PDB file of N, CA and C in Angstrom:
ATOM      1  N   UNK A   1       6.508  -3.744  11.407  1.00  0.00           N
ATOM      2  CA  UNK A   1       5.405  -2.832  11.668  1.00  0.00           C
ATOM      3  C   UNK A   1       4.087  -3.567  11.460  1.00  0.00           C
ATOM      4  N   UNK A   2       3.053  -3.026  12.073  1.00  0.00           N
ATOM      5  CA  UNK A   2       1.745  -3.633  11.950  1.00  0.00           C
ATOM      6  C   UNK A   2       0.820  -2.819  11.061  1.00  0.00           C
ATOM      7  N   UNK A   3      -0.434  -3.231  11.030  1.00  0.00           N
ATOM      8  CA  UNK A   3      -1.431  -2.601  10.167  1.00  0.00           C
ATOM      9  C   UNK A   3      -1.502  -1.095  10.390  1.00  0.00           C
ATOM     10  N   UNK A   4      -1.565  -0.661  11.633  1.00  0.00           N
ATOM     11  CA  UNK A   4      -1.728   0.766  11.929  1.00  0.00           C
ATOM     12  C   UNK A   4      -0.576   1.590  11.361  1.00  0.00           C
ATOM     13  N   UNK A   5       0.641   1.125  11.556  1.00  0.00           N
ATOM     14  CA  UNK A   5       1.803   1.858  11.058  1.00  0.00           C
ATOM     15  C   UNK A   5       1.876   1.833   9.532  1.00  0.00           C
ATOM     16  N   UNK A   6       1.559   0.680   8.947  1.00  0.00           N
ATOM     17  CA  UNK A   6       1.590   0.570   7.488  1.00  0.00           C
ATOM     18  C   UNK A   6       0.502   1.432   6.851  1.00  0.00           C
ATOM     19  N   UNK A   7      -0.667   1.477   7.476  1.00  0.00           N
ATOM     20  CA  UNK A   7      -1.750   2.337   6.986  1.00  0.00           C
ATOM     21  C   UNK A   7      -1.328   3.800   7.062  1.00  0.00           C
ATOM     22  N   UNK A   8      -0.782   4.203   8.175  1.00  0.00           N
ATOM     23  CA  UNK A   8      -0.312   5.581   8.339  1.00  0.00           C
ATOM     24  C   UNK A   8       0.725   5.937   7.274  1.00  0.00           C
ATOM     25  N   UNK A   9       1.701   5.057   7.097  1.00  0.00           N
ATOM     26  CA  UNK A   9       2.761   5.316   6.124  1.00  0.00           C
ATOM     27  C   UNK A   9       2.214   5.393   4.698  1.00  0.00           C
ATOM     28  N   UNK A  10       1.285   4.517   4.370  1.00  0.00           N
ATOM     29  CA  UNK A  10       0.734   4.507   3.017  1.00  0.00           C
ATOM     30  C   UNK A  10      -0.123   5.742   2.760  1.00  0.00           C
ATOM     31  N   UNK A  11      -0.907   6.149   3.753  1.00  0.00           N
ATOM     32  CA  UNK A  11      -1.687   7.377   3.609  1.00  0.00           C
ATOM     33  C   UNK A  11      -0.764   8.571   3.394  1.00  0.00           C
ATOM     34  N   UNK A  12       0.302   8.624   4.170  1.00  0.00           N
ATOM     35  CA  UNK A  12       1.262   9.718   4.039  1.00  0.00           C
ATOM     36  C   UNK A  12       1.923   9.688   2.663  1.00  0.00           C
ATOM     37  N   UNK A  13       2.342   8.517   2.233  1.00  0.00           N
ATOM     38  CA  UNK A  13       3.001   8.368   0.938  1.00  0.00           C
ATOM     39  C   UNK A  13       2.084   8.824  -0.198  1.00  0.00           C
ATOM     40  N   UNK A  14       0.805   8.458  -0.108  1.00  0.00           N
ATOM     41  CA  UNK A  14      -0.134   8.801  -1.172  1.00  0.00           C
ATOM     42  C   UNK A  14      -0.719  10.200  -1.007  1.00  0.00           C
ATOM     43  N   UNK A  15      -0.380  10.854   0.085  1.00  0.00           N
ATOM     44  CA  UNK A  15      -0.904  12.195   0.319  1.00  0.00           C
ATOM     45  C   UNK A  15      -2.400  12.201   0.547  1.00  0.00           C
ATOM     46  N   UNK A  16      -2.900  11.140   1.137  1.00  0.00           N
ATOM     47  CA  UNK A  16      -4.337  10.995   1.357  1.00  0.00           C
ATOM     48  C   UNK A  16      -4.669  11.226   2.824  1.00  0.00           C
ATOM     49  N   UNK A  17      -5.713  11.974   3.067  1.00  0.00           N
ATOM     50  CA  UNK A  17      -6.201  12.214   4.415  1.00  0.00           C
ATOM     51  C   UNK A  17      -7.191  11.112   4.807  1.00  0.00           C
ATOM     52  N   UNK A  18      -7.372  10.918   6.097  1.00  0.00           N
ATOM     53  CA  UNK A  18      -8.311   9.913   6.594  1.00  0.00           C
ATOM     54  C   UNK A  18      -9.721  10.215   6.081  1.00  0.00           C
ATOM     55  N   UNK A  19     -10.062  11.483   5.984  1.00  0.00           N
ATOM     56  CA  UNK A  19     -11.389  11.868   5.490  1.00  0.00           C
ATOM     57  C   UNK A  19     -11.626  11.328   4.076  1.00  0.00           C
ATOM     58  N   UNK A  20     -10.624  11.464   3.205  1.00  0.00           N
ATOM     59  CA  UNK A  20     -10.765  10.959   1.839  1.00  0.00           C
ATOM     60  C   UNK A  20     -10.864   9.437   1.829  1.00  0.00           C
ATOM     61  N   UNK A  21     -10.054   8.780   2.652  1.00  0.00           N
ATOM     62  CA  UNK A  21     -10.121   7.321   2.740  1.00  0.00           C
ATOM     63  C   UNK A  21     -11.506   6.889   3.210  1.00  0.00           C
ATOM     64  N   UNK A  22     -12.053   7.610   4.163  1.00  0.00           N
ATOM     65  CA  UNK A  22     -13.402   7.299   4.654  1.00  0.00           C
ATOM     66  C   UNK A  22     -14.430   7.428   3.539  1.00  0.00           C
ATOM     67  N   UNK A  23     -14.332   8.495   2.784  1.00  0.00           N
ATOM     68  CA  UNK A  23     -15.281   8.706   1.682  1.00  0.00           C
ATOM     69  C   UNK A  23     -15.165   7.617   0.625  1.00  0.00           C
ATOM     70  N   UNK A  24     -13.951   7.231   0.308  1.00  0.00           N
ATOM     71  CA  UNK A  24     -13.731   6.262  -0.769  1.00  0.00           C
ATOM     72  C   UNK A  24     -13.992   4.823  -0.361  1.00  0.00           C
ATOM     73  N   UNK A  25     -13.899   4.530   0.945  1.00  0.00           N
ATOM     74  CA  UNK A  25     -14.128   3.161   1.418  1.00  0.00           C
ATOM     75  C   UNK A  25     -15.527   2.956   1.978  1.00  0.00           C
ATOM     76  N   UNK A  26     -16.165   4.051   2.394  1.00  0.00           N
ATOM     77  CA  UNK A  26     -17.448   3.925   3.071  1.00  0.00           C
ATOM     78  C   UNK A  26     -17.302   3.565   4.541  1.00  0.00           C
ATOM     79  N   UNK A  27     -16.082   3.630   5.053  1.00  0.00           N
ATOM     80  CA  UNK A  27     -15.803   3.354   6.466  1.00  0.00           C
ATOM     81  C   UNK A  27     -15.778   4.698   7.187  1.00  0.00           C
ATOM     82  N   UNK A  28     -16.424   4.786   8.328  1.00  0.00           N
ATOM     83  CA  UNK A  28     -16.494   6.066   9.033  1.00  0.00           C
ATOM     84  C   UNK A  28     -15.105   6.519   9.498  1.00  0.00           C
ATOM     85  N   UNK A  29     -14.950   7.822   9.621  1.00  0.00           N
ATOM     86  CA  UNK A  29     -13.688   8.384  10.119  1.00  0.00           C
ATOM     87  C   UNK A  29     -13.400   7.857  11.521  1.00  0.00           C
ATOM     88  N   UNK A  30     -14.435   7.770  12.352  1.00  0.00           N
ATOM     89  CA  UNK A  30     -14.241   7.263  13.720  1.00  0.00           C
ATOM     90  C   UNK A  30     -13.688   5.845  13.709  1.00  0.00           C
ATOM     91  N   UNK A  31     -14.202   5.013  12.816  1.00  0.00           N
ATOM     92  CA  UNK A  31     -13.706   3.638  12.730  1.00  0.00           C
ATOM     93  C   UNK A  31     -12.275   3.625  12.220  1.00  0.00           C
ATOM     94  N   UNK A  32     -11.989   4.399  11.174  1.00  0.00           N
ATOM     95  CA  UNK A  32     -10.617   4.449  10.648  1.00  0.00           C
ATOM     96  C   UNK A  32      -9.636   4.947  11.698  1.00  0.00           C
ATOM     97  N   UNK A  33     -10.045   5.902  12.505  1.00  0.00           N
ATOM     98  CA  UNK A  33      -9.163   6.414  13.556  1.00  0.00           C
ATOM     99  C   UNK A  33      -8.823   5.351  14.597  1.00  0.00           C
ATOM    100  N   UNK A  34      -9.660   4.336  14.716  1.00  0.00           N
ATOM    101  CA  UNK A  34      -9.377   3.239  15.646  1.00  0.00           C
ATOM    102  C   UNK A  34      -8.232   2.363  15.144  1.00  0.00           C
ATOM    103  N   UNK A  35      -7.901   2.477  13.858  1.00  0.00           N
ATOM    104  CA  UNK A  35      -6.828   1.671  13.271  1.00  0.00           C
ATOM    105  C   UNK A  35      -5.495   2.417  13.256  1.00  0.00           C
ATOM    106  N   UNK A  36      -5.430   3.582  13.893  1.00  0.00           N
ATOM    107  CA  UNK A  36      -4.233   4.415  13.889  1.00  0.00           C
ATOM    108  C   UNK A  36      -3.201   3.878  14.889  1.00  0.00           C
ATOM    109  N   UNK A  37      -1.921   4.235  14.696  1.00  0.00           N
ATOM    110  CA  UNK A  37      -0.888   3.799  15.646  1.00  0.00           C
ATOM    111  C   UNK A  37      -1.247   4.194  17.083  1.00  0.00           C
ATOM    112  N   UNK A  38      -0.970   3.294  17.998  1.00  0.00           N
ATOM    113  CA  UNK A  38      -1.284   3.523  19.399  1.00  0.00           C
ATOM    114  C   UNK A  38      -2.580   2.856  19.815  1.00  0.00           C
ATOM    115  N   UNK A  39      -3.369   2.471  18.836  1.00  0.00           N
ATOM    116  CA  UNK A  39      -4.629   1.789  19.115  1.00  0.00           C
ATOM    117  C   UNK A  39      -4.414   0.294  18.929  1.00  0.00           C
ATOM    118  N   UNK A  40      -5.089  -0.472  19.699  1.00  0.00           N
ATOM    119  CA  UNK A  40      -4.966  -1.928  19.609  1.00  0.00           C
ATOM    120  C   UNK A  40      -6.089  -2.557  18.791  1.00  0.00           C
ATOM    121  N   UNK A  41      -6.899  -1.731  18.131  1.00  0.00           N
ATOM    122  CA  UNK A  41      -8.037  -2.238  17.368  1.00  0.00           C
ATOM    123  C   UNK A  41      -7.584  -2.651  15.974  1.00  0.00           C
ATOM    124  N   UNK A  42      -7.895  -3.871  15.590  1.00  0.00           N
ATOM    125  CA  UNK A  42      -7.585  -4.353  14.243  1.00  0.00           C
ATOM    126  C   UNK A  42      -8.851  -4.267  13.397  1.00  0.00           C
ATOM    127  N   UNK A  43      -8.697  -3.974  12.112  1.00  0.00           N
ATOM    128  CA  UNK A  43      -9.879  -3.882  11.252  1.00  0.00           C
ATOM    129  C   UNK A  43     -10.477  -5.253  10.981  1.00  0.00           C
ATOM    130  N   UNK A  44     -11.747  -5.248  10.655  1.00  0.00           N
ATOM    131  CA  UNK A  44     -12.358  -6.485  10.176  1.00  0.00           C
ATOM    132  C   UNK A  44     -11.732  -6.801   8.828  1.00  0.00           C
ATOM    133  N   UNK A  45     -11.845  -8.028   8.378  1.00  0.00           N
ATOM    134  CA  UNK A  45     -11.283  -8.394   7.079  1.00  0.00           C
ATOM    135  C   UNK A  45     -11.954  -7.588   5.969  1.00  0.00           C
ATOM    136  N   UNK A  46     -13.262  -7.342   6.091  1.00  0.00           N
ATOM    137  CA  UNK A  46     -13.961  -6.546   5.077  1.00  0.00           C
ATOM    138  C   UNK A  46     -13.410  -5.129   5.007  1.00  0.00           C
ATOM    139  N   UNK A  47     -13.204  -4.506   6.151  1.00  0.00           N
ATOM    140  CA  UNK A  47     -12.655  -3.145   6.158  1.00  0.00           C
ATOM    141  C   UNK A  47     -11.216  -3.113   5.666  1.00  0.00           C
ATOM    142  N   UNK A  48     -10.434  -4.101   6.056  1.00  0.00           N
ATOM    143  CA  UNK A  48      -9.043  -4.153   5.597  1.00  0.00           C
ATOM    144  C   UNK A  48      -8.982  -4.296   4.077  1.00  0.00           C
ATOM    145  N   UNK A  49      -9.865  -5.110   3.510  1.00  0.00           N
ATOM    146  CA  UNK A  49      -9.904  -5.272   2.056  1.00  0.00           C
ATOM    147  C   UNK A  49     -10.329  -3.987   1.361  1.00  0.00           C
ATOM    148  N   UNK A  50     -11.312  -3.287   1.905  1.00  0.00           N
ATOM    149  CA  UNK A  50     -11.741  -2.012   1.319  1.00  0.00           C
ATOM    150  C   UNK A  50     -10.593  -1.016   1.315  1.00  0.00           C
ATOM    151  N   UNK A  51      -9.875  -0.951   2.410  1.00  0.00           N
ATOM    152  CA  UNK A  51      -8.752  -0.023   2.528  1.00  0.00           C
ATOM    153  C   UNK A  51      -7.656  -0.394   1.525  1.00  0.00           C
ATOM    154  N   UNK A  52      -7.318  -1.668   1.455  1.00  0.00           N
ATOM    155  CA  UNK A  52      -6.271  -2.120   0.530  1.00  0.00           C
ATOM    156  C   UNK A  52      -6.645  -1.803  -0.913  1.00  0.00           C
ATOM    157  N   UNK A  53      -7.900  -2.030  -1.266  1.00  0.00           N
ATOM    158  CA  UNK A  53      -8.337  -1.748  -2.647  1.00  0.00           C
ATOM    159  C   UNK A  53      -8.226  -0.271  -2.981  1.00  0.00           C
ATOM    160  N   UNK A  54      -8.675   0.581  -2.077  1.00  0.00           N
ATOM    161  CA  UNK A  54      -8.615   2.021  -2.327  1.00  0.00           C
ATOM    162  C   UNK A  54      -7.170   2.494  -2.420  1.00  0.00           C
ATOM    163  N   UNK A  55      -6.308   1.976  -1.572  1.00  0.00           N
ATOM    164  CA  UNK A  55      -4.905   2.384  -1.581  1.00  0.00           C
ATOM    165  C   UNK A  55      -4.094   1.669  -2.662  1.00  0.00           C
ATOM    166  N   UNK A  56      -4.700   0.662  -3.293  1.00  0.00           N
ATOM    167  CA  UNK A  56      -4.043  -0.112  -4.356  1.00  0.00           C
ATOM    168  C   UNK A  56      -2.775  -0.786  -3.860  1.00  0.00           C
ATOM    169  N   UNK A  57      -2.900  -1.394  -2.687  1.00  0.00           N
ATOM    170  CA  UNK A  57      -1.818  -2.198  -2.122  1.00  0.00           C
ATOM    171  C   UNK A  57      -2.405  -3.539  -1.722  1.00  0.00           C
ATOM    172  N   UNK A  58      -1.554  -4.507  -1.494  1.00  0.00           N
ATOM    173  CA  UNK A  58      -2.050  -5.816  -1.077  1.00  0.00           C
ATOM    174  C   UNK A  58      -2.435  -5.789   0.402  1.00  0.00           C
ATOM    175  N   UNK A  59      -3.333  -6.667   0.747  1.00  0.00           N
ATOM    176  CA  UNK A  59      -3.713  -6.819   2.151  1.00  0.00           C
ATOM    177  C   UNK A  59      -2.506  -7.284   2.961  1.00  0.00           C
ATOM    178  N   UNK A  60      -1.705  -8.135   2.358  1.00  0.00           N
ATOM    179  CA  UNK A  60      -0.489  -8.607   3.013  1.00  0.00           C
ATOM    180  C   UNK A  60       0.440  -7.434   3.321  1.00  0.00           C
ATOM    181  N   UNK A  61       0.557  -6.496   2.398  1.00  0.00           N
ATOM    182  CA  UNK A  61       1.408  -5.330   2.625  1.00  0.00           C
ATOM    183  C   UNK A  61       0.894  -4.506   3.807  1.00  0.00           C
ATOM    184  N   UNK A  62      -0.413  -4.261   3.863  1.00  0.00           N
ATOM    185  CA  UNK A  62      -0.960  -3.491   4.984  1.00  0.00           C
ATOM    186  C   UNK A  62      -0.759  -4.215   6.311  1.00  0.00           C
ATOM    187  N   UNK A  63      -0.933  -5.512   6.293  1.00  0.00           N
ATOM    188  CA  UNK A  63      -0.845  -6.272   7.539  1.00  0.00           C
ATOM    189  C   UNK A  63       0.590  -6.451   8.022  1.00  0.00           C
ATOM    190  N   UNK A  64       1.527  -6.658   7.083  1.00  0.00           N
ATOM    191  CA  UNK A  64       2.883  -7.016   7.492  1.00  0.00           C
ATOM    192  C   UNK A  64       3.969  -6.055   7.020  1.00  0.00           C
ATOM    193  N   UNK A  65       3.645  -5.214   6.052  1.00  0.00           N
ATOM    194  CA  UNK A  65       4.651  -4.319   5.491  1.00  0.00           C
ATOM    195  C   UNK A  65       5.422  -4.953   4.354  1.00  0.00           C
ATOM    196  N   UNK A  66       5.076  -6.185   3.997  1.00  0.00           N
ATOM    197  CA  UNK A  66       5.725  -6.849   2.870  1.00  0.00           C
ATOM    198  C   UNK A  66       4.676  -7.546   2.025  1.00  0.00           C
ATOM    199  N   UNK A  67       5.069  -7.882   0.837  1.00  0.00           N
ATOM    200  CA  UNK A  67       4.177  -8.607  -0.052  1.00  0.00           C
ATOM    201  C   UNK A  67       4.767  -9.995  -0.242  1.00  0.00           C
ATOM    202  N   UNK A  68       4.224 -10.967   0.444  1.00  0.00           N
ATOM    203  CA  UNK A  68       4.796 -12.309   0.469  1.00  0.00           C
ATOM    204  C   UNK A  68       4.940 -12.901  -0.927  1.00  0.00           C
ATOM    205  N   UNK A  69       3.979 -12.672  -1.801  1.00  0.00           N
ATOM    206  CA  UNK A  69       4.042 -13.249  -3.136  1.00  0.00           C
ATOM    207  C   UNK A  69       5.288 -12.766  -3.872  1.00  0.00           C
ATOM    208  N   UNK A  70       5.485 -11.456  -3.916  1.00  0.00           N
ATOM    209  CA  UNK A  70       6.657 -10.909  -4.598  1.00  0.00           C
ATOM    210  C   UNK A  70       7.951 -11.351  -3.927  1.00  0.00           C
ATOM    211  N   UNK A  71       7.954 -11.313  -2.625  1.00  0.00           N
ATOM    212  CA  UNK A  71       9.175 -11.654  -1.901  1.00  0.00           C
ATOM    213  C   UNK A  71       9.553 -13.117  -2.122  1.00  0.00           C
ATOM    214  N   UNK A  72       8.560 -13.983  -2.299  1.00  0.00           N
ATOM    215  CA  UNK A  72       8.839 -15.402  -2.483  1.00  0.00           C
ATOM    216  C   UNK A  72       9.204 -15.749  -3.922  1.00  0.00           C
ATOM    217  N   UNK A  73       8.663 -15.020  -4.882  1.00  0.00           N
ATOM    218  CA  UNK A  73       8.841 -15.421  -6.273  1.00  0.00           C
ATOM    219  C   UNK A  73       9.953 -14.685  -7.010  1.00  0.00           C
ATOM    220  N   UNK A  74      10.307 -13.504  -6.573  1.00  0.00           N
ATOM    221  CA  UNK A  74      11.331 -12.723  -7.267  1.00  0.00           C
ATOM    222  C   UNK A  74      12.371 -12.250  -6.251  1.00  0.00           C
ATOM    223  N   UNK A  75      13.573 -12.812  -6.313  1.00  0.00           N
ATOM    224  CA  UNK A  75      14.607 -12.366  -5.382  1.00  0.00           C
ATOM    225  C   UNK A  75      14.869 -10.869  -5.506  1.00  0.00           C
ATOM    226  N   UNK A  76      14.885 -10.176  -4.381  1.00  0.00           N
ATOM    227  CA  UNK A  76      15.148  -8.742  -4.372  1.00  0.00           C
ATOM    228  C   UNK A  76      13.947  -7.869  -4.680  1.00  0.00           C
ATOM    229  N   UNK A  77      12.819  -8.476  -5.007  1.00  0.00           N
ATOM    230  CA  UNK A  77      11.644  -7.695  -5.397  1.00  0.00           C
ATOM    231  C   UNK A  77      11.154  -6.802  -4.270  1.00  0.00           C
ATOM    232  N   UNK A  78      11.187  -7.280  -3.052  1.00  0.00           N
ATOM    233  CA  UNK A  78      10.661  -6.492  -1.934  1.00  0.00           C
ATOM    234  C   UNK A  78      11.436  -5.196  -1.756  1.00  0.00           C
ATOM    235  N   UNK A  79      12.731  -5.268  -1.901  1.00  0.00           N
ATOM    236  CA  UNK A  79      13.555  -4.067  -1.790  1.00  0.00           C
ATOM    237  C   UNK A  79      13.224  -3.076  -2.900  1.00  0.00           C
ATOM    238  N   UNK A  80      13.052  -3.581  -4.104  1.00  0.00           N
ATOM    239  CA  UNK A  80      12.706  -2.721  -5.235  1.00  0.00           C
ATOM    240  C   UNK A  80      11.333  -2.089  -5.024  1.00  0.00           C
ATOM    241  N   UNK A  81      10.367  -2.869  -4.588  1.00  0.00           N
ATOM    242  CA  UNK A  81       9.010  -2.364  -4.361  1.00  0.00           C
ATOM    243  C   UNK A  81       9.030  -1.264  -3.308  1.00  0.00           C
ATOM    244  N   UNK A  82       9.774  -1.463  -2.234  1.00  0.00           N
ATOM    245  CA  UNK A  82       9.868  -0.455  -1.184  1.00  0.00           C
ATOM    246  C   UNK A  82      10.391   0.870  -1.738  1.00  0.00           C
ATOM    247  N   UNK A  83      11.390   0.785  -2.576  1.00  0.00           N
ATOM    248  CA  UNK A  83      11.962   1.994  -3.169  1.00  0.00           C
ATOM    249  C   UNK A  83      10.987   2.652  -4.141  1.00  0.00           C
ATOM    250  N   UNK A  84      10.324   1.853  -4.951  1.00  0.00           N
ATOM    251  CA  UNK A  84       9.387   2.385  -5.940  1.00  0.00           C
ATOM    252  C   UNK A  84       8.232   3.105  -5.266  1.00  0.00           C
ATOM    253  N   UNK A  85       7.777   2.610  -4.142  1.00  0.00           N
ATOM    254  CA  UNK A  85       6.655   3.236  -3.436  1.00  0.00           C
ATOM    255  C   UNK A  85       6.952   4.676  -3.041  1.00  0.00           C
ATOM    256  N   UNK A  86       8.196   5.038  -2.969  1.00  0.00           N
ATOM    257  CA  UNK A  86       8.571   6.383  -2.519  1.00  0.00           C
ATOM    258  C   UNK A  86       8.851   7.356  -3.669  1.00  0.00           C
ATOM    259  N   UNK A  87       8.734   6.891  -4.915  1.00  0.00           N
ATOM    260  CA  UNK A  87       9.033   7.749  -6.060  1.00  0.00           C
ATOM    261  C   UNK A  87       7.892   8.706  -6.381  1.00  0.00           C
ATOM    262  N   UNK A  88       8.241   9.799  -7.017  1.00  0.00           N
ATOM    263  CA  UNK A  88       7.225  10.752  -7.478  1.00  0.00           C
ATOM    264  C   UNK A  88       6.482  10.154  -8.666  1.00  0.00           C
ATOM    265  N   UNK A  89       5.352  10.750  -9.026  1.00  0.00           N
ATOM    266  CA  UNK A  89       4.565  10.280 -10.160  1.00  0.00           C
ATOM    267  C   UNK A  89       5.391  10.329 -11.450  1.00  0.00           C
ATOM    268  N   UNK A  90       6.171  11.380 -11.619  1.00  0.00           N
ATOM    269  CA  UNK A  90       7.015  11.526 -12.810  1.00  0.00           C
ATOM    270  C   UNK A  90       8.051  10.410 -12.870  1.00  0.00           C
ATOM    271  N   UNK A  91       8.681  10.134 -11.730  1.00  0.00           N
ATOM    272  CA  UNK A  91       9.682   9.077 -11.690  1.00  0.00           C
ATOM    273  C   UNK A  91       9.045   7.704 -11.895  1.00  0.00           C
ATOM    274  N   UNK A  92       7.839   7.512 -11.371  1.00  0.00           N
ATOM    275  CA  UNK A  92       7.136   6.242 -11.583  1.00  0.00           C
ATOM    276  C   UNK A  92       6.852   6.024 -13.058  1.00  0.00           C
ATOM    277  N   UNK A  93       6.488   7.083 -13.761  1.00  0.00           N
ATOM    278  CA  UNK A  93       6.260   6.972 -15.200  1.00  0.00           C
ATOM    279  C   UNK A  93       7.531   6.534 -15.912  1.00  0.00           C
ATOM    280  N   UNK A  94       8.661   7.106 -15.524  1.00  0.00           N
ATOM    281  CA  UNK A  94       9.943   6.749 -16.143  1.00  0.00           C
ATOM    282  C   UNK A  94      10.298   5.292 -15.855  1.00  0.00           C
ATOM    283  N   UNK A  95      10.121   4.869 -14.611  1.00  0.00           N
ATOM    284  CA  UNK A  95      10.413   3.478 -14.247  1.00  0.00           C
ATOM    285  C   UNK A  95       9.491   2.539 -15.013  1.00  0.00           C
ATOM    286  N   UNK A  96       8.230   2.885 -15.107  1.00  0.00           N
ATOM    287  CA  UNK A  96       7.264   2.068 -15.838  1.00  0.00           C
ATOM    288  C   UNK A  96       7.654   1.925 -17.300  1.00  0.00           C
ATOM    289  N   UNK A  97       8.110   3.008 -17.923  1.00  0.00           N
ATOM    290  CA  UNK A  97       8.531   2.963 -19.322  1.00  0.00           C
ATOM    291  C   UNK A  97       9.725   2.028 -19.501  1.00  0.00           C
ATOM    292  N   UNK A  98      10.667   2.086 -18.559  1.00  0.00           N
ATOM    293  CA  UNK A  98      11.836   1.207 -18.631  1.00  0.00           C
ATOM    294  C   UNK A  98      11.412  -0.253 -18.482  1.00  0.00           C
ATOM    295  N   UNK A  99      10.567  -0.531 -17.503  1.00  0.00           N
ATOM    296  CA  UNK A  99      10.110  -1.905 -17.280  1.00  0.00           C
ATOM    297  C   UNK A  99       9.338  -2.408 -18.501  1.00  0.00           C
ATOM    298  N   UNK A 100       8.465  -1.583 -19.061  1.00  0.00           N
ATOM    299  CA  UNK A 100       7.709  -1.974 -20.260  1.00  0.00           C
ATOM    300  C   UNK A 100       8.647  -2.305 -21.414  1.00  0.00           C
ATOM    301  N   UNK A 101       9.675  -1.483 -21.582  1.00  0.00           N
ATOM    302  CA  UNK A 101      10.641  -1.696 -22.659  1.00  0.00           C
ATOM    303  C   UNK A 101      11.389  -3.019 -22.479  1.00  0.00           C
ATOM    304  N   UNK A 102      11.829  -3.277 -21.275  1.00  0.00           N
ATOM    305  CA  UNK A 102      12.536  -4.527 -20.993  1.00  0.00           C
ATOM    306  C   UNK A 102      11.596  -5.713 -21.163  1.00  0.00           C
ATOM    307  N   UNK A 103      10.388  -5.579 -20.677  1.00  0.00           N
ATOM    308  CA  UNK A 103       9.403  -6.659 -20.785  1.00  0.00           C
ATOM    309  C   UNK A 103       9.157  -7.019 -22.252  1.00  0.00           C
ATOM    310  N   UNK A 104       8.957  -5.995 -23.077  1.00  0.00           N
ATOM    311  CA  UNK A 104       8.710  -6.241 -24.509  1.00  0.00           C
ATOM    312  C   UNK A 104       9.902  -6.919 -25.182  1.00  0.00           C
ATOM    313  N   UNK A 105      11.085  -6.576 -24.739  1.00  0.00           N
ATOM    314  CA  UNK A 105      12.290  -7.137 -25.333  1.00  0.00           C
ATOM    315  C   UNK A 105      12.473  -8.615 -24.999  1.00  0.00           C
ATOM    316  N   UNK A 106      12.134  -9.002 -23.775  1.00  0.00           N
ATOM    317  CA  UNK A 106      12.433 -10.349 -23.316  1.00  0.00           C
ATOM    318  C   UNK A 106      11.236 -11.281 -23.168  1.00  0.00           C
ATOM    319  N   UNK A 107      10.052 -10.758 -23.218  1.00  0.00           N
ATOM    320  CA  UNK A 107       8.887 -11.629 -22.979  1.00  0.00           C
ATOM    321  C   UNK A 107       8.076 -11.787 -24.236  1.00  0.00           C
TER     322      UNK A 107
END
């Protein structure tokens, strides 16, 4: 998938409307709508970075659907990240507590 599809999926996952993204990034709704699926317009690097920061995802994730750093350094990390992105806030808290506990034990 490309930027448009990844942006759409991330907005849906986070329950964020384009209007809110526009307000938080300072990018107009009209400009953001140009980055939607079916459009061939790619964002400028500045706009892509603003969007990634607000959504708290990597630019690589928005552009390609994967995070090259994680995928290269931790075997299986990409699969885990994909699954975690779909969890509820309550479940994310539980996963975070488990990871923190394991981290403290071994690091």
